Amino acid sequence: MGRTRNKKDSWMPKRVYRGKSGYEFRPPEGGAIKLCGLDASKDTVKEAYNKVLQDLNPENNLASLIDEYFKSEKFTKLAEETKEDYRRCSNNILLVFGQLKPHHITDDYVAEYLHKRGISSHTRANREKAFLSSAFSWGIDHKFIPTRVNPCKLVPNLKEKPRDRYIYDHEYYAVYNEACPAVKAAMEIAYRCAARVSDIISLTNAQLTPKGIFIQQGKTGIKQIKLWTVELREAVDECRNAFDVESKYVIHRPDGRPHTRDSLYRRWRRALSRASKRKGIPLDFTFHDLKAKGISDFVGTLYDKQSFSGHKTPRQTAAYIRNAQPTKTIGKSEDK
């Protein structure tokens, strides 16, 4: 039976003792690990003790933290688009940091990762850092990490250059003509309704009303009915009739299951590649650029475009306007 502690030492964690020069943790297998000096506060001793326990447990690495984070209430409450992006971000993060203890990951490590990842993409580097920061914050709040410092918050993001790629009509239709019915419908909804891909792939037949397509934006929560046009109706009908199968989803696979973002993007990239080869021109735009084309082409003031896009502020809408806007010039107008 172990010795009973003195009352003055009853606050100390299990297997922590006062040594000759500092507080020590003495594992069951023997030996002693110094935690901190004898002049340290109680909180400092307990924090050092928790770090030692983290280090001694081989399962307490970043991979296990991320696994728990993905099961957490905080993660489940995120928008579906954000959750899907975070899962994608985790792949690269785990390759580099997965086996490290979370409290061993310093801001220097994060900065080095950010700058190396930024060589290929500033945007993806910043998104992956944002995911790691979210996982860290959750781990700190729930005592999975014996530290109060989130290293990601000490590292500034890389500067991102705003996209300014405008898709011209001949480019749009070059891809559209090479696309399968699912991609055609997705393109038309993205362009003519200024819809995000997450709202497109989750679109159900119940959202198709006599007046138009009901869309509640997953990111802003704004509800709109996007009125039918001839082109929009034709693309949606072609997609729904592409397979002889019952499905509740407007854009679906041959077996009726909905497309994921990745499966739709694979088909989009194939259409883009075929169009580029057929036309002999580089087509370097993204699917998300279709929404920007829609907002740019919509006729009206900035506030009209904001209403069309479903953005909460005019500033958000302005970032999507990429075509050259006509302005008045000095002199007598040629208009008659």
C-alpha atoms as a PDB file:
ATOM      1  CA  MET A   1       0.000   0.000   0.000  1.00  0.00           C
ATOM      2  CA  GLY A   2       1.371   3.409  -0.969  1.00  0.00           C
ATOM      3  CA  ARG A   3       2.126   6.091   1.528  1.00  0.00           C
ATOM      4  CA  THR A   4      -0.604   8.552   2.462  1.00  0.00           C
ATOM      5  CA  ARG A   5       0.114  12.039   1.147  1.00  0.00           C
ATOM      6  CA  ASN A   6       0.624  14.990   3.422  1.00  0.00           C
ATOM      7  CA  LYS A   7      -2.391  17.270   3.474  1.00  0.00           C
ATOM      8  CA  LYS A   8      -0.392  20.033   1.824  1.00  0.00           C
ATOM      9  CA  ASP A   9       0.289  17.727  -1.152  1.00  0.00           C
ATOM     10  CA  SER A  10      -3.271  16.398  -1.568  1.00  0.00           C
ATOM     11  CA  TRP A  11      -3.823  18.716  -4.561  1.00  0.00           C
ATOM     12  CA  MET A  12      -1.146  16.979  -6.615  1.00  0.00           C
ATOM     13  CA  PRO A  13      -2.187  14.558  -9.404  1.00  0.00           C
ATOM     14  CA  LYS A  14      -1.669  10.816  -9.047  1.00  0.00           C
ATOM     15  CA  ARG A  15       2.007   9.728  -9.051  1.00  0.00           C
ATOM     16  CA  VAL A  16       3.288  13.307  -8.813  1.00  0.00           C
ATOM     17  CA  TYR A  17       5.741  14.029  -5.978  1.00  0.00           C
ATOM     18  CA  ARG A  18       8.141  16.691  -4.798  1.00  0.00           C
ATOM     19  CA  GLY A  19      11.666  15.782  -5.850  1.00  0.00           C
ATOM     20  CA  LYS A  20      14.948  17.367  -4.841  1.00  0.00           C
ATOM     21  CA  SER A  21      14.846  20.052  -7.536  1.00  0.00           C
ATOM     22  CA  GLY A  22      11.259  19.983  -8.805  1.00  0.00           C
ATOM     23  CA  TYR A  23       7.950  18.191  -9.106  1.00  0.00           C
ATOM     24  CA  GLU A  24       8.263  14.699 -10.594  1.00  0.00           C
ATOM     25  CA  PHE A  25       5.953  12.174 -12.199  1.00  0.00           C
ATOM     26  CA  ARG A  26       6.847   8.578 -11.329  1.00  0.00           C
ATOM     27  CA  PRO A  27       5.388   6.044 -13.803  1.00  0.00           C
ATOM     28  CA  PRO A  28       4.355   2.548 -12.542  1.00  0.00           C
ATOM     29  CA  GLU A  29       7.240   0.954 -14.448  1.00  0.00           C
ATOM     30  CA  GLY A  30       9.761   3.031 -12.506  1.00  0.00           C
ATOM     31  CA  GLY A  31      11.907   6.098 -13.007  1.00  0.00           C
ATOM     32  CA  ALA A  32      10.985   9.745 -12.685  1.00  0.00           C
ATOM     33  CA  ILE A  33      10.059  12.491 -15.150  1.00  0.00           C
ATOM     34  CA  LYS A  34      10.637  16.047 -14.052  1.00  0.00           C
ATOM     35  CA  LEU A  35       7.614  18.264 -14.595  1.00  0.00           C
ATOM     36  CA  CYS A  36       8.741  21.707 -13.427  1.00  0.00           C
ATOM     37  CA  GLY A  37      10.542  23.539 -10.646  1.00  0.00           C
ATOM     38  CA  LEU A  38       9.395  23.560  -7.029  1.00  0.00           C
ATOM     39  CA  ASP A  39       8.469  27.232  -7.364  1.00  0.00           C
ATOM     40  CA  ALA A  40       5.850  26.494 -10.068  1.00  0.00           C
ATOM     41  CA  SER A  41       2.162  27.172  -9.434  1.00  0.00           C
ATOM     42  CA  LYS A  42      -0.375  24.384  -8.962  1.00  0.00           C
ATOM     43  CA  ASP A  43      -1.867  25.070 -12.405  1.00  0.00           C
ATOM     44  CA  THR A  44       1.574  24.808 -14.021  1.00  0.00           C
ATOM     45  CA  VAL A  45       2.218  21.471 -12.324  1.00  0.00           C
ATOM     46  CA  LYS A  46      -1.125  20.083 -13.461  1.00  0.00           C
ATOM     47  CA  GLU A  47      -0.571  21.316 -17.035  1.00  0.00           C
ATOM     48  CA  ALA A  48       2.889  19.693 -17.151  1.00  0.00           C
ATOM     49  CA  TYR A  49       1.394  16.481 -15.751  1.00  0.00           C
ATOM     50  CA  ASN A  50      -1.285  16.412 -18.473  1.00  0.00           C
ATOM     51  CA  LYS A  51       1.352  16.896 -21.167  1.00  0.00           C
ATOM     52  CA  VAL A  52       3.343  13.944 -19.849  1.00  0.00           C
ATOM     53  CA  LEU A  53       0.253  11.732 -19.888  1.00  0.00           C
ATOM     54  CA  GLN A  54      -0.406  12.811 -23.471  1.00  0.00           C
ATOM     55  CA  ASP A  55       3.165  11.950 -24.459  1.00  0.00           C
ATOM     56  CA  LEU A  56       3.072   8.519 -22.790  1.00  0.00           C
ATOM     57  CA  ASN A  57      -0.172   7.499 -24.522  1.00  0.00           C
ATOM     58  CA  PRO A  58       0.641   6.445 -28.122  1.00  0.00           C
ATOM     59  CA  GLU A  59      -2.983   6.971 -29.180  1.00  0.00           C
ATOM     60  CA  ASN A  60      -3.072  10.653 -28.196  1.00  0.00           C
ATOM     61  CA  ASN A  61      -1.887  11.926 -31.572  1.00  0.00           C
ATOM     62  CA  LEU A  62      -3.440  14.427 -33.947  1.00  0.00           C
ATOM     63  CA  ALA A  63      -5.087  11.647 -35.960  1.00  0.00           C
ATOM     64  CA  SER A  64      -7.092  10.522 -32.914  1.00  0.00           C
ATOM     65  CA  LEU A  65      -7.996  14.140 -32.074  1.00  0.00           C
ATOM     66  CA  ILE A  66      -9.312  14.743 -35.604  1.00  0.00           C
ATOM     67  CA  ASP A  67     -11.282  11.503 -35.442  1.00  0.00           C
ATOM     68  CA  GLU A  68     -12.969  12.689 -32.236  1.00  0.00           C
ATOM     69  CA  TYR A  69     -13.517  16.154 -33.703  1.00  0.00           C
ATOM     70  CA  PHE A  70     -15.372  14.655 -36.675  1.00  0.00           C
ATOM     71  CA  LYS A  71     -17.721  12.935 -34.189  1.00  0.00           C
ATOM     72  CA  SER A  72     -18.305  16.108 -32.177  1.00  0.00           C
ATOM     73  CA  GLU A  73     -21.425  18.236 -31.980  1.00  0.00           C
ATOM     74  CA  LYS A  74     -19.427  21.250 -33.155  1.00  0.00           C
ATOM     75  CA  PHE A  75     -18.554  19.489 -36.406  1.00  0.00           C
ATOM     76  CA  THR A  76     -22.048  18.098 -37.030  1.00  0.00           C
ATOM     77  CA  LYS A  77     -23.509  21.618 -36.796  1.00  0.00           C
ATOM     78  CA  LEU A  78     -21.308  22.955 -39.606  1.00  0.00           C
ATOM     79  CA  ALA A  79     -22.778  23.501 -43.069  1.00  0.00           C
ATOM     80  CA  GLU A  80     -22.585  20.393 -45.283  1.00  0.00           C
ATOM     81  CA  GLU A  81     -20.294  22.221 -47.707  1.00  0.00           C
ATOM     82  CA  THR A  82     -17.891  23.091 -44.868  1.00  0.00           C
ATOM     83  CA  LYS A  83     -17.938  19.551 -43.484  1.00  0.00           C
ATOM     84  CA  GLU A  84     -17.108  18.094 -46.878  1.00  0.00           C
ATOM     85  CA  ASP A  85     -14.287  20.590 -47.355  1.00  0.00           C
ATOM     86  CA  TYR A  86     -12.868  19.895 -43.868  1.00  0.00           C
ATOM     87  CA  ARG A  87     -12.801  16.155 -44.550  1.00  0.00           C
ATOM     88  CA  ARG A  88     -10.886  16.863 -47.735  1.00  0.00           C
ATOM     89  CA  CYS A  89      -8.501  19.177 -45.847  1.00  0.00           C
ATOM     90  CA  SER A  90      -7.813  16.474 -43.258  1.00  0.00           C
ATOM     91  CA  ASN A  91      -6.137  14.221 -45.836  1.00  0.00           C
ATOM     92  CA  ASN A  92      -3.107  16.483 -46.311  1.00  0.00           C
ATOM     93  CA  ILE A  93      -2.967  17.542 -42.655  1.00  0.00           C
ATOM     94  CA  LEU A  94      -2.874  13.920 -41.472  1.00  0.00           C
ATOM     95  CA  LEU A  95      -0.107  13.026 -43.917  1.00  0.00           C
ATOM     96  CA  VAL A  96       2.145  15.629 -42.295  1.00  0.00           C
ATOM     97  CA  PHE A  97       1.006  15.892 -38.668  1.00  0.00           C
ATOM     98  CA  GLY A  98      -1.120  12.796 -38.063  1.00  0.00           C
ATOM     99  CA  GLN A  99       1.291  10.925 -35.758  1.00  0.00           C
ATOM    100  CA  LEU A 100       2.433  13.978 -33.786  1.00  0.00           C
ATOM    101  CA  LYS A 101       1.072  14.885 -30.375  1.00  0.00           C
ATOM    102  CA  PRO A 102      -1.163  17.949 -30.804  1.00  0.00           C
ATOM    103  CA  HIS A 103       0.695  19.959 -28.155  1.00  0.00           C
ATOM    104  CA  HIS A 104       3.968  19.318 -30.012  1.00  0.00           C
ATOM    105  CA  ILE A 105       2.655  21.126 -33.104  1.00  0.00           C
ATOM    106  CA  THR A 106       3.950  24.678 -32.763  1.00  0.00           C
ATOM    107  CA  ASP A 107       3.224  27.815 -34.749  1.00  0.00           C
ATOM    108  CA  ASP A 108       6.589  27.319 -36.500  1.00  0.00           C
ATOM    109  CA  TYR A 109       5.392  23.937 -37.784  1.00  0.00           C
ATOM    110  CA  VAL A 110       2.112  25.456 -38.960  1.00  0.00           C
ATOM    111  CA  ALA A 111       3.891  28.341 -40.700  1.00  0.00           C
ATOM    112  CA  GLU A 112       6.268  25.960 -42.484  1.00  0.00           C
ATOM    113  CA  TYR A 113       3.370  23.794 -43.634  1.00  0.00           C
ATOM    114  CA  LEU A 114       1.400  26.832 -44.812  1.00  0.00           C
ATOM    115  CA  HIS A 115       4.217  28.198 -46.941  1.00  0.00           C
ATOM    116  CA  LYS A 116       5.154  24.832 -48.490  1.00  0.00           C
ATOM    117  CA  ARG A 117       1.514  24.037 -49.254  1.00  0.00           C
ATOM    118  CA  GLY A 118       1.064  27.570 -50.588  1.00  0.00           C
ATOM    119  CA  ILE A 119       3.525  26.894 -53.408  1.00  0.00           C
ATOM    120  CA  SER A 120       0.747  25.023 -55.226  1.00  0.00           C
ATOM    121  CA  SER A 121      -2.271  26.911 -53.834  1.00  0.00           C
ATOM    122  CA  HIS A 122      -2.621  29.774 -51.369  1.00  0.00           C
ATOM    123  CA  THR A 123      -6.360  29.154 -51.151  1.00  0.00           C
ATOM    124  CA  ARG A 124      -6.105  25.463 -50.251  1.00  0.00           C
ATOM    125  CA  ALA A 125      -3.258  26.157 -47.812  1.00  0.00           C
ATOM    126  CA  ASN A 126      -5.411  28.681 -45.954  1.00  0.00           C
ATOM    127  CA  ARG A 127      -8.430  26.328 -45.937  1.00  0.00           C
ATOM    128  CA  GLU A 128      -6.354  23.494 -44.500  1.00  0.00           C
ATOM    129  CA  LYS A 129      -4.993  25.783 -41.806  1.00  0.00           C
ATOM    130  CA  ALA A 130      -8.537  26.866 -40.966  1.00  0.00           C
ATOM    131  CA  PHE A 131      -9.561  23.226 -40.558  1.00  0.00           C
ATOM    132  CA  LEU A 132      -6.579  22.477 -38.301  1.00  0.00           C
ATOM    133  CA  SER A 133      -7.382  25.569 -36.235  1.00  0.00           C
ATOM    134  CA  SER A 134     -10.981  24.461 -35.779  1.00  0.00           C
ATOM    135  CA  ALA A 135      -9.884  20.994 -34.649  1.00  0.00           C
ATOM    136  CA  PHE A 136      -7.345  22.540 -32.242  1.00  0.00           C
ATOM    137  CA  SER A 137      -9.895  24.914 -30.727  1.00  0.00           C
ATOM    138  CA  TRP A 138     -12.301  22.048 -30.119  1.00  0.00           C
ATOM    139  CA  GLY A 139      -9.520  19.915 -28.604  1.00  0.00           C
ATOM    140  CA  ILE A 140      -8.471  22.712 -26.232  1.00  0.00           C
ATOM    141  CA  ASP A 141     -12.063  23.436 -25.166  1.00  0.00           C
ATOM    142  CA  HIS A 142     -12.684  19.755 -24.404  1.00  0.00           C
ATOM    143  CA  LYS A 143      -9.356  19.157 -22.619  1.00  0.00           C
ATOM    144  CA  PHE A 144      -8.017  16.823 -25.308  1.00  0.00           C
ATOM    145  CA  ILE A 145      -4.953  19.042 -25.624  1.00  0.00           C
ATOM    146  CA  PRO A 146      -2.973  20.091 -22.513  1.00  0.00           C
ATOM    147  CA  THR A 147      -2.398  23.637 -23.701  1.00  0.00           C
ATOM    148  CA  ARG A 148      -4.313  26.908 -23.899  1.00  0.00           C
ATOM    149  CA  VAL A 149      -2.642  28.068 -27.108  1.00  0.00           C
ATOM    150  CA  ASN A 150      -3.940  27.339 -30.605  1.00  0.00           C
ATOM    151  CA  PRO A 151      -0.779  27.559 -32.774  1.00  0.00           C
ATOM    152  CA  CYS A 152      -2.796  28.200 -35.932  1.00  0.00           C
ATOM    153  CA  LYS A 153      -4.036  31.512 -34.564  1.00  0.00           C
ATOM    154  CA  LEU A 154      -0.448  32.760 -34.284  1.00  0.00           C
ATOM    155  CA  VAL A 155       0.174  32.308 -38.025  1.00  0.00           C
ATOM    156  CA  PRO A 156      -1.306  34.798 -40.539  1.00  0.00           C
ATOM    157  CA  ASN A 157      -2.964  33.462 -43.682  1.00  0.00           C
ATOM    158  CA  LEU A 158      -1.256  33.644 -47.027  1.00  0.00           C
ATOM    159  CA  LYS A 159      -2.493  36.463 -49.217  1.00  0.00           C
ATOM    160  CA  GLU A 160      -5.010  35.186 -51.740  1.00  0.00           C
ATOM    161  CA  LYS A 161      -5.444  36.781 -55.133  1.00  0.00           C
ATOM    162  CA  PRO A 162      -9.164  37.242 -55.850  1.00  0.00           C
ATOM    163  CA  ARG A 163     -10.363  35.262 -58.855  1.00  0.00           C
ATOM    164  CA  ASP A 164     -11.221  37.429 -61.830  1.00  0.00           C
ATOM    165  CA  ARG A 165     -11.831  34.781 -64.508  1.00  0.00           C
ATOM    166  CA  TYR A 166     -14.904  35.597 -66.573  1.00  0.00           C
ATOM    167  CA  ILE A 167     -16.397  32.803 -68.692  1.00  0.00           C
ATOM    168  CA  TYR A 168     -17.397  34.018 -72.161  1.00  0.00           C
ATOM    169  CA  ASP A 169     -20.514  32.609 -73.796  1.00  0.00           C
ATOM    170  CA  HIS A 170     -18.601  30.638 -76.444  1.00  0.00           C
ATOM    171  CA  GLU A 171     -16.538  29.003 -73.681  1.00  0.00           C
ATOM    172  CA  TYR A 172     -19.632  28.161 -71.661  1.00  0.00           C
ATOM    173  CA  TYR A 173     -21.385  26.464 -74.557  1.00  0.00           C
ATOM    174  CA  ALA A 174     -18.211  24.681 -75.659  1.00  0.00           C
ATOM    175  CA  VAL A 175     -18.221  22.849 -72.327  1.00  0.00           C
ATOM    176  CA  TYR A 176     -22.018  22.541 -72.161  1.00  0.00           C
ATOM    177  CA  ASN A 177     -22.140  20.753 -75.514  1.00  0.00           C
ATOM    178  CA  GLU A 178     -19.609  18.159 -74.311  1.00  0.00           C
ATOM    179  CA  ALA A 179     -21.295  17.548 -70.950  1.00  0.00           C
ATOM    180  CA  CYS A 180     -23.516  14.695 -69.783  1.00  0.00           C
ATOM    181  CA  PRO A 181     -27.119  15.542 -68.720  1.00  0.00           C
ATOM    182  CA  ALA A 182     -26.163  15.795 -65.032  1.00  0.00           C
ATOM    183  CA  VAL A 183     -23.406  18.312 -65.723  1.00  0.00           C
ATOM    184  CA  LYS A 184     -25.593  20.257 -68.169  1.00  0.00           C
ATOM    185  CA  ALA A 185     -28.291  20.657 -65.519  1.00  0.00           C
ATOM    186  CA  ALA A 186     -25.726  21.557 -62.862  1.00  0.00           C
ATOM    187  CA  MET A 187     -24.159  24.166 -65.159  1.00  0.00           C
ATOM    188  CA  GLU A 188     -27.512  25.775 -65.945  1.00  0.00           C
ATOM    189  CA  ILE A 189     -28.547  25.902 -62.284  1.00  0.00           C
ATOM    190  CA  ALA A 190     -25.161  27.299 -61.231  1.00  0.00           C
ATOM    191  CA  TYR A 191     -25.203  29.937 -63.981  1.00  0.00           C
ATOM    192  CA  ARG A 192     -28.866  30.922 -64.249  1.00  0.00           C
ATOM    193  CA  CYS A 193     -29.655  30.607 -60.526  1.00  0.00           C
ATOM    194  CA  ALA A 194     -26.275  31.693 -59.053  1.00  0.00           C
ATOM    195  CA  ALA A 195     -26.346  28.492 -56.999  1.00  0.00           C
ATOM    196  CA  ARG A 196     -23.533  26.794 -55.109  1.00  0.00           C
ATOM    197  CA  VAL A 197     -22.587  23.223 -55.932  1.00  0.00           C
ATOM    198  CA  SER A 198     -23.644  22.005 -52.459  1.00  0.00           C
ATOM    199  CA  ASP A 199     -27.172  23.343 -53.071  1.00  0.00           C
ATOM    200  CA  ILE A 200     -27.212  21.839 -56.568  1.00  0.00           C
ATOM    201  CA  ILE A 201     -26.289  18.256 -55.662  1.00  0.00           C
ATOM    202  CA  SER A 202     -28.802  18.213 -52.783  1.00  0.00           C
ATOM    203  CA  LEU A 203     -31.646  19.532 -54.972  1.00  0.00           C
ATOM    204  CA  THR A 204     -34.764  17.314 -54.857  1.00  0.00           C
ATOM    205  CA  ASN A 205     -37.798  17.030 -57.100  1.00  0.00           C
ATOM    206  CA  ALA A 206     -39.911  18.477 -54.289  1.00  0.00           C
ATOM    207  CA  GLN A 207     -38.068  21.782 -54.814  1.00  0.00           C
ATOM    208  CA  LEU A 208     -39.272  22.049 -58.412  1.00  0.00           C
ATOM    209  CA  THR A 209     -42.356  24.262 -58.256  1.00  0.00           C
ATOM    210  CA  PRO A 210     -44.612  25.495 -61.071  1.00  0.00           C
ATOM    211  CA  LYS A 211     -42.973  28.923 -60.798  1.00  0.00           C
ATOM    212  CA  GLY A 212     -39.364  27.819 -60.520  1.00  0.00           C
ATOM    213  CA  ILE A 213     -36.748  26.083 -58.384  1.00  0.00           C
ATOM    214  CA  PHE A 214     -36.945  26.614 -54.629  1.00  0.00           C
ATOM    215  CA  ILE A 215     -33.445  26.980 -53.167  1.00  0.00           C
ATOM    216  CA  GLN A 216     -32.513  27.674 -49.565  1.00  0.00           C
ATOM    217  CA  GLN A 217     -28.850  28.530 -49.629  1.00  0.00           C
ATOM    218  CA  GLY A 218     -26.896  26.284 -47.317  1.00  0.00           C
ATOM    219  CA  LYS A 219     -24.354  28.995 -46.573  1.00  0.00           C
ATOM    220  CA  THR A 220     -26.616  31.990 -45.894  1.00  0.00           C
ATOM    221  CA  GLY A 221     -29.980  30.323 -45.239  1.00  0.00           C
ATOM    222  CA  ILE A 222     -31.681  32.722 -47.671  1.00  0.00           C
ATOM    223  CA  LYS A 223     -34.768  31.240 -49.386  1.00  0.00           C
ATOM    224  CA  GLN A 224     -35.502  31.997 -53.042  1.00  0.00           C
ATOM    225  CA  ILE A 225     -37.576  30.688 -55.927  1.00  0.00           C
ATOM    226  CA  LYS A 226     -35.490  30.880 -59.093  1.00  0.00           C
ATOM    227  CA  LEU A 227     -38.001  31.427 -61.912  1.00  0.00           C
ATOM    228  CA  TRP A 228     -38.032  29.058 -64.858  1.00  0.00           C
ATOM    229  CA  THR A 229     -36.484  29.959 -68.171  1.00  0.00           C
ATOM    230  CA  VAL A 230     -36.725  27.855 -71.314  1.00  0.00           C
ATOM    231  CA  GLU A 231     -33.041  26.890 -71.077  1.00  0.00           C
ATOM    232  CA  LEU A 232     -33.232  26.019 -67.392  1.00  0.00           C
ATOM    233  CA  ARG A 233     -36.352  23.891 -67.838  1.00  0.00           C
ATOM    234  CA  GLU A 234     -34.856  21.985 -70.808  1.00  0.00           C
ATOM    235  CA  ALA A 235     -31.646  21.150 -68.947  1.00  0.00           C
ATOM    236  CA  VAL A 236     -33.474  19.983 -65.804  1.00  0.00           C
ATOM    237  CA  ASP A 237     -35.954  17.856 -67.783  1.00  0.00           C
ATOM    238  CA  GLU A 238     -33.157  16.239 -69.801  1.00  0.00           C
ATOM    239  CA  CYS A 239     -31.338  15.345 -66.596  1.00  0.00           C
ATOM    240  CA  ARG A 240     -34.445  13.909 -64.905  1.00  0.00           C
ATOM    241  CA  ASN A 241     -35.227  11.774 -67.978  1.00  0.00           C
ATOM    242  CA  ALA A 242     -31.665  10.561 -68.569  1.00  0.00           C
ATOM    243  CA  PHE A 243     -32.147   7.302 -66.656  1.00  0.00           C
ATOM    244  CA  ASP A 244     -35.148   5.035 -66.290  1.00  0.00           C
ATOM    245  CA  VAL A 245     -34.959   5.013 -62.502  1.00  0.00           C
ATOM    246  CA  GLU A 246     -36.897   6.609 -59.658  1.00  0.00           C
ATOM    247  CA  SER A 247     -34.949   9.144 -57.616  1.00  0.00           C
ATOM    248  CA  LYS A 248     -35.920  11.990 -55.350  1.00  0.00           C
ATOM    249  CA  TYR A 249     -32.874  13.952 -56.536  1.00  0.00           C
ATOM    250  CA  VAL A 250     -32.891  16.156 -59.611  1.00  0.00           C
ATOM    251  CA  ILE A 251     -29.256  15.416 -60.439  1.00  0.00           C
ATOM    252  CA  HIS A 252     -28.497  11.785 -59.765  1.00  0.00           C
ATOM    253  CA  ARG A 253     -26.465   8.770 -60.830  1.00  0.00           C
ATOM    254  CA  PRO A 254     -27.789   5.856 -62.946  1.00  0.00           C
ATOM    255  CA  ASP A 255     -28.803   4.019 -59.746  1.00  0.00           C
ATOM    256  CA  GLY A 256     -30.762   7.012 -58.408  1.00  0.00           C
ATOM    257  CA  ARG A 257     -28.239   8.016 -55.746  1.00  0.00           C
ATOM    258  CA  PRO A 258     -27.262  11.702 -55.560  1.00  0.00           C
ATOM    259  CA  HIS A 259     -23.950  12.881 -56.914  1.00  0.00           C
ATOM    260  CA  THR A 260     -21.265  13.883 -54.475  1.00  0.00           C
ATOM    261  CA  ARG A 261     -19.286  17.027 -55.119  1.00  0.00           C
ATOM    262  CA  ASP A 262     -16.316  14.926 -56.275  1.00  0.00           C
ATOM    263  CA  SER A 263     -18.328  12.715 -58.647  1.00  0.00           C
ATOM    264  CA  LEU A 264     -19.970  15.744 -60.268  1.00  0.00           C
ATOM    265  CA  TYR A 265     -16.632  17.539 -60.546  1.00  0.00           C
ATOM    266  CA  ARG A 266     -15.054  14.511 -62.250  1.00  0.00           C
ATOM    267  CA  ARG A 267     -17.716  14.640 -64.946  1.00  0.00           C
ATOM    268  CA  TRP A 268     -17.325  18.423 -65.183  1.00  0.00           C
ATOM    269  CA  ARG A 269     -13.555  18.134 -65.691  1.00  0.00           C
ATOM    270  CA  ARG A 270     -14.029  15.517 -68.414  1.00  0.00           C
ATOM    271  CA  ALA A 271     -16.390  17.850 -70.294  1.00  0.00           C
ATOM    272  CA  LEU A 272     -13.922  20.712 -69.820  1.00  0.00           C
ATOM    273  CA  SER A 273     -11.063  18.594 -71.185  1.00  0.00           C
ATOM    274  CA  ARG A 274     -13.035  17.406 -74.223  1.00  0.00           C
ATOM    275  CA  ALA A 275     -14.140  20.958 -75.034  1.00  0.00           C
ATOM    276  CA  SER A 276     -10.598  22.280 -74.702  1.00  0.00           C
ATOM    277  CA  LYS A 277      -9.245  19.636 -77.105  1.00  0.00           C
ATOM    278  CA  ARG A 278     -12.062  20.088 -79.600  1.00  0.00           C
ATOM    279  CA  LYS A 279     -11.774  23.899 -79.682  1.00  0.00           C
ATOM    280  CA  GLY A 280      -7.992  23.971 -79.340  1.00  0.00           C
ATOM    281  CA  ILE A 281      -8.138  26.598 -76.597  1.00  0.00           C
ATOM    282  CA  PRO A 282      -7.236  26.438 -72.904  1.00  0.00           C
ATOM    283  CA  LEU A 283     -10.343  26.427 -70.706  1.00  0.00           C
ATOM    284  CA  ASP A 284      -8.986  27.249 -67.287  1.00  0.00           C
ATOM    285  CA  PHE A 285     -12.122  28.183 -65.345  1.00  0.00           C
ATOM    286  CA  THR A 286     -13.688  26.334 -62.417  1.00  0.00           C
ATOM    287  CA  PHE A 287     -17.241  25.196 -61.768  1.00  0.00           C
ATOM    288  CA  HIS A 288     -17.599  27.902 -59.117  1.00  0.00           C
ATOM    289  CA  ASP A 289     -16.780  30.501 -61.804  1.00  0.00           C
ATOM    290  CA  LEU A 290     -20.191  29.700 -63.326  1.00  0.00           C
ATOM    291  CA  LYS A 291     -21.880  31.458 -60.431  1.00  0.00           C
ATOM    292  CA  ALA A 292     -19.696  34.513 -61.033  1.00  0.00           C
ATOM    293  CA  LYS A 293     -20.678  34.477 -64.704  1.00  0.00           C
ATOM    294  CA  GLY A 294     -24.341  34.423 -63.723  1.00  0.00           C
ATOM    295  CA  ILE A 295     -23.977  37.397 -61.378  1.00  0.00           C
ATOM    296  CA  SER A 296     -21.853  39.263 -63.922  1.00  0.00           C
ATOM    297  CA  ASP A 297     -24.373  38.677 -66.740  1.00  0.00           C
ATOM    298  CA  PHE A 298     -27.443  39.539 -64.665  1.00  0.00           C
ATOM    299  CA  VAL A 299     -28.784  42.895 -65.885  1.00  0.00           C
ATOM    300  CA  GLY A 300     -29.342  45.469 -63.166  1.00  0.00           C
ATOM    301  CA  THR A 301     -27.713  47.513 -60.449  1.00  0.00           C
ATOM    302  CA  LEU A 302     -25.402  46.096 -57.802  1.00  0.00           C
ATOM    303  CA  TYR A 303     -28.398  45.803 -55.475  1.00  0.00           C
ATOM    304  CA  ASP A 304     -30.390  43.977 -58.162  1.00  0.00           C
ATOM    305  CA  LYS A 305     -27.485  41.569 -58.551  1.00  0.00           C
ATOM    306  CA  GLN A 306     -27.334  41.145 -54.757  1.00  0.00           C
ATOM    307  CA  SER A 307     -31.020  40.175 -54.664  1.00  0.00           C
ATOM    308  CA  PHE A 308     -30.457  37.705 -57.516  1.00  0.00           C
ATOM    309  CA  SER A 309     -27.391  36.106 -55.903  1.00  0.00           C
ATOM    310  CA  GLY A 310     -28.782  35.822 -52.383  1.00  0.00           C
ATOM    311  CA  HIS A 311     -25.751  37.463 -50.801  1.00  0.00           C
ATOM    312  CA  LYS A 312     -26.175  39.251 -47.498  1.00  0.00           C
ATOM    313  CA  THR A 313     -24.130  42.322 -48.471  1.00  0.00           C
ATOM    314  CA  PRO A 314     -23.405  44.234 -51.707  1.00  0.00           C
ATOM    315  CA  ARG A 315     -19.690  43.780 -51.042  1.00  0.00           C
ATOM    316  CA  GLN A 316     -20.033  40.005 -51.336  1.00  0.00           C
ATOM    317  CA  THR A 317     -21.866  40.402 -54.627  1.00  0.00           C
ATOM    318  CA  ALA A 318     -19.331  42.878 -56.009  1.00  0.00           C
ATOM    319  CA  ALA A 319     -16.573  40.272 -55.621  1.00  0.00           C
ATOM    320  CA  TYR A 320     -18.397  38.087 -58.174  1.00  0.00           C
ATOM    321  CA  ILE A 321     -18.731  40.738 -60.903  1.00  0.00           C
ATOM    322  CA  ARG A 322     -15.960  39.934 -63.375  1.00  0.00           C
ATOM    323  CA  ASN A 323     -17.004  41.205 -66.786  1.00  0.00           C
ATOM    324  CA  ALA A 324     -16.237  44.735 -67.964  1.00  0.00           C
ATOM    325  CA  GLN A 325     -19.044  47.081 -66.975  1.00  0.00           C
ATOM    326  CA  PRO A 326     -20.024  49.922 -69.376  1.00  0.00           C
ATOM    327  CA  THR A 327     -19.541  53.446 -68.031  1.00  0.00           C
ATOM    328  CA  LYS A 328     -20.325  56.892 -69.341  1.00  0.00           C
ATOM    329  CA  THR A 329     -17.547  58.862 -71.017  1.00  0.00           C
ATOM    330  CA  ILE A 330     -16.938  62.554 -71.540  1.00  0.00           C
ATOM    331  CA  GLY A 331     -18.389  63.976 -74.712  1.00  0.00           C
ATOM    332  CA  LYS A 332     -21.491  63.784 -76.843  1.00  0.00           C
ATOM    333  CA  SER A 333     -23.097  60.347 -76.864  1.00  0.00           C
ATOM    334  CA  GLU A 334     -23.425  58.459 -80.160  1.00  0.00           C
ATOM    335  CA  ASP A 335     -26.776  57.008 -79.035  1.00  0.00           C
ATOM    336  CA  LYS A 336     -29.716  58.366 -81.011  1.00  0.00           C
END
